Amino acid sequence: MVKVQRNNDMNDIMRTTLFRKSARRKATHSCRGGAALLFVLFIIFIVTVMVINVLDTTTLELSALRNSMNYNRAIHLANAGVHHAVALLEANSSWRGTITDGSYPGDDTYSATAVDGADATRVVITSSGVAGDVTRRVQANIEL
């Protein structure tokens, strides 16, 4: 029986010691638990701001690229209008009028107008190309 008593005493001492240690850990841990949560929330906030910034920059770059492509496509369409009018003038030098051709790649179009110039040997061709929301105009003076 003495042995049993000694084990019970040892168990009581160990329980008391463990209780004190765990109580100290809980007190220390509860103070740091809120700081870790705030730190993680701060990191998530910073990452979110960075992702939004990257997405905004990418959207802006894509918009600028689309505008640049439309600008270039419109000038090429306007030049195509001039070439079309010149081809009609080569076939019939007395031709004057307006041509409209359209629906290149999407809703892109061109139109060209040929009128008499300052003297009888000149023809002024004015052409406009439309790509997206961009319109470009080209004027050519042709001598017959």
Protein backbone atom coordinates (compact mmCIF):
# COMPACT_ATOMS: atom_id res chain seq x y z
CA MET A 1 0.00 0.00 0.00
CA VAL A 2 2.79 2.40 0.63
CA LYS A 3 3.80 2.13 -2.98
CA VAL A 4 0.30 2.93 -4.13
CA GLN A 5 0.23 5.94 -1.84
CA ARG A 6 3.53 7.14 -3.20
CA ASN A 7 2.28 6.86 -6.79
CA ASN A 8 -0.82 8.86 -5.90
CA ASP A 9 1.35 11.55 -4.31
CA MET A 10 3.60 11.61 -7.34
CA ASN A 11 0.58 11.84 -9.61
CA ASP A 12 -0.77 14.77 -7.61
CA ILE A 13 2.58 16.56 -7.80
CA MET A 14 2.87 15.93 -11.53
CA ARG A 15 -0.68 17.11 -12.14
CA THR A 16 -0.08 20.27 -10.16
CA THR A 17 3.17 20.97 -12.01
CA LEU A 18 1.61 20.31 -15.40
CA PHE A 19 -1.38 22.47 -14.56
CA ARG A 20 0.87 25.37 -13.63
CA LYS A 21 2.93 25.02 -16.84
CA SER A 22 -0.13 24.79 -19.05
CA ALA A 23 -1.70 27.79 -17.32
CA ARG A 24 1.46 29.81 -18.05
CA ARG A 25 1.45 28.65 -21.69
CA LYS A 26 -2.21 29.57 -22.11
CA ALA A 27 -1.65 33.04 -20.72
CA THR A 28 1.34 33.64 -23.02
CA HIS A 29 -0.34 32.02 -26.02
CA SER A 30 -3.56 34.01 -25.73
CA CYS A 31 -1.61 37.30 -25.91
CA ARG A 32 0.23 36.25 -29.09
CA GLY A 33 -2.77 34.66 -30.80
CA GLY A 34 -4.33 38.01 -31.67
CA ALA A 35 -1.04 39.40 -32.99
CA ALA A 36 -0.64 36.47 -35.39
CA LEU A 37 -4.15 36.95 -36.70
CA LEU A 38 -3.55 40.66 -37.29
CA PHE A 39 -0.25 39.89 -39.03
CA VAL A 40 -1.91 37.37 -41.36
CA LEU A 41 -4.74 39.80 -42.15
CA PHE A 42 -2.19 42.51 -42.94
CA ILE A 43 -0.29 40.18 -45.30
CA ILE A 44 -3.54 39.18 -47.04
CA PHE A 45 -4.43 42.87 -47.44
CA ILE A 46 -1.03 43.68 -48.99
CA VAL A 47 -1.24 40.74 -51.41
CA THR A 48 -4.78 41.75 -52.40
CA VAL A 49 -3.69 45.33 -53.13
CA MET A 50 -0.79 44.04 -55.25
CA VAL A 51 -3.05 41.70 -57.26
CA ILE A 52 -5.57 44.49 -57.91
CA ASN A 53 -2.74 46.76 -59.06
CA VAL A 54 -1.41 44.12 -61.47
CA LEU A 55 -4.90 43.49 -62.89
CA ASP A 56 -5.51 47.21 -63.34
CA THR A 57 -2.17 47.67 -65.12
CA THR A 58 -2.83 44.68 -67.39
CA THR A 59 -6.28 46.00 -68.31
CA LEU A 60 -4.81 49.41 -69.14
CA GLU A 61 -2.08 47.86 -71.31
CA LEU A 62 -4.61 45.75 -73.22
CA SER A 63 -6.77 48.81 -73.84
CA ALA A 64 -3.78 50.75 -75.16
CA LEU A 65 -2.85 47.82 -77.42
CA ARG A 66 -6.40 47.63 -78.82
CA ASN A 67 -6.39 51.39 -79.53
CA SER A 68 -3.02 51.13 -81.28
CA MET A 69 -4.21 48.23 -83.43
CA ASN A 70 -7.38 50.12 -84.39
CA TYR A 71 -5.32 53.21 -85.24
CA ASN A 72 -3.03 51.23 -87.56
CA ARG A 73 -5.89 49.26 -89.12
CA ALA A 74 -7.82 52.48 -89.85
CA ILE A 75 -4.89 54.04 -91.75
CA HIS A 76 -4.44 50.86 -93.78
CA LEU A 77 -8.14 50.85 -94.63
CA ALA A 78 -8.00 54.51 -95.67
CA ASN A 79 -5.04 53.70 -97.95
CA ALA A 80 -7.02 50.77 -99.39
CA GLY A 81 -9.78 53.22 -100.26
CA VAL A 82 -7.30 55.41 -102.15
CA HIS A 83 -5.94 52.38 -104.03
CA HIS A 84 -9.46 51.25 -104.91
CA ALA A 85 -10.31 54.71 -106.29
CA VAL A 86 -7.03 54.81 -108.26
CA ALA A 87 -7.84 51.41 -109.77
CA LEU A 88 -11.25 52.72 -110.87
CA LEU A 89 -9.60 55.83 -112.35
CA GLU A 90 -7.11 53.69 -114.26
CA ALA A 91 -9.99 51.71 -115.75
CA ASN A 92 -12.04 54.84 -116.56
CA SER A 93 -10.28 58.21 -116.31
CA SER A 94 -13.57 60.11 -116.39
CA TRP A 95 -14.92 58.31 -113.32
CA ARG A 96 -15.73 60.54 -110.35
CA GLY A 97 -17.74 59.45 -107.39
CA THR A 98 -17.77 57.67 -104.06
CA ILE A 99 -16.97 54.07 -103.25
CA THR A 100 -17.76 52.32 -100.01
CA ASP A 101 -16.45 48.94 -99.16
CA GLY A 102 -16.67 47.33 -95.84
CA SER A 103 -16.73 44.72 -93.22
CA TYR A 104 -13.06 43.99 -93.04
CA PRO A 105 -12.02 41.93 -90.24
CA GLY A 106 -15.11 42.87 -88.27
CA ASP A 107 -17.00 46.09 -88.74
CA ASP A 108 -14.03 47.90 -90.26
CA THR A 109 -14.83 49.87 -93.41
CA TYR A 110 -13.45 52.41 -95.83
CA SER A 111 -14.96 54.94 -98.18
CA ALA A 112 -13.30 57.08 -100.82
CA THR A 113 -14.47 60.03 -102.86
CA ALA A 114 -12.88 61.21 -106.12
CA VAL A 115 -13.52 64.77 -107.30
CA ASP A 116 -11.97 67.03 -109.91
CA GLY A 117 -8.90 68.90 -108.75
CA ALA A 118 -7.71 72.45 -109.32
CA ASP A 119 -7.10 71.81 -113.01
CA ALA A 120 -8.47 69.30 -115.49
CA THR A 121 -5.55 66.89 -115.13
CA ARG A 122 -5.85 66.42 -111.38
CA VAL A 123 -8.20 64.33 -109.29
CA VAL A 124 -8.42 64.63 -105.50
CA ILE A 125 -9.20 61.41 -103.69
CA THR A 126 -10.26 61.63 -100.05
CA SER A 127 -10.55 58.35 -98.22
CA SER A 128 -11.45 57.47 -94.66
CA GLY A 129 -10.90 54.19 -92.87
CA VAL A 130 -12.83 53.17 -89.77
CA ALA A 131 -11.59 50.50 -87.37
CA GLY A 132 -13.36 50.13 -84.05
CA ASP A 133 -13.92 53.66 -82.80
CA VAL A 134 -10.95 55.14 -84.72
CA THR A 135 -11.34 57.03 -88.02
CA ARG A 136 -8.35 58.02 -90.15
CA ARG A 137 -8.43 60.15 -93.30
CA VAL A 138 -6.04 60.21 -96.24
CA GLN A 139 -6.08 62.63 -99.15
CA ALA A 140 -4.25 61.95 -102.40
CA ASN A 141 -3.77 64.24 -105.41
CA ILE A 142 -3.63 62.16 -108.57
CA GLU A 143 -2.41 63.56 -111.88
CA LEU A 144 -3.94 61.90 -114.91
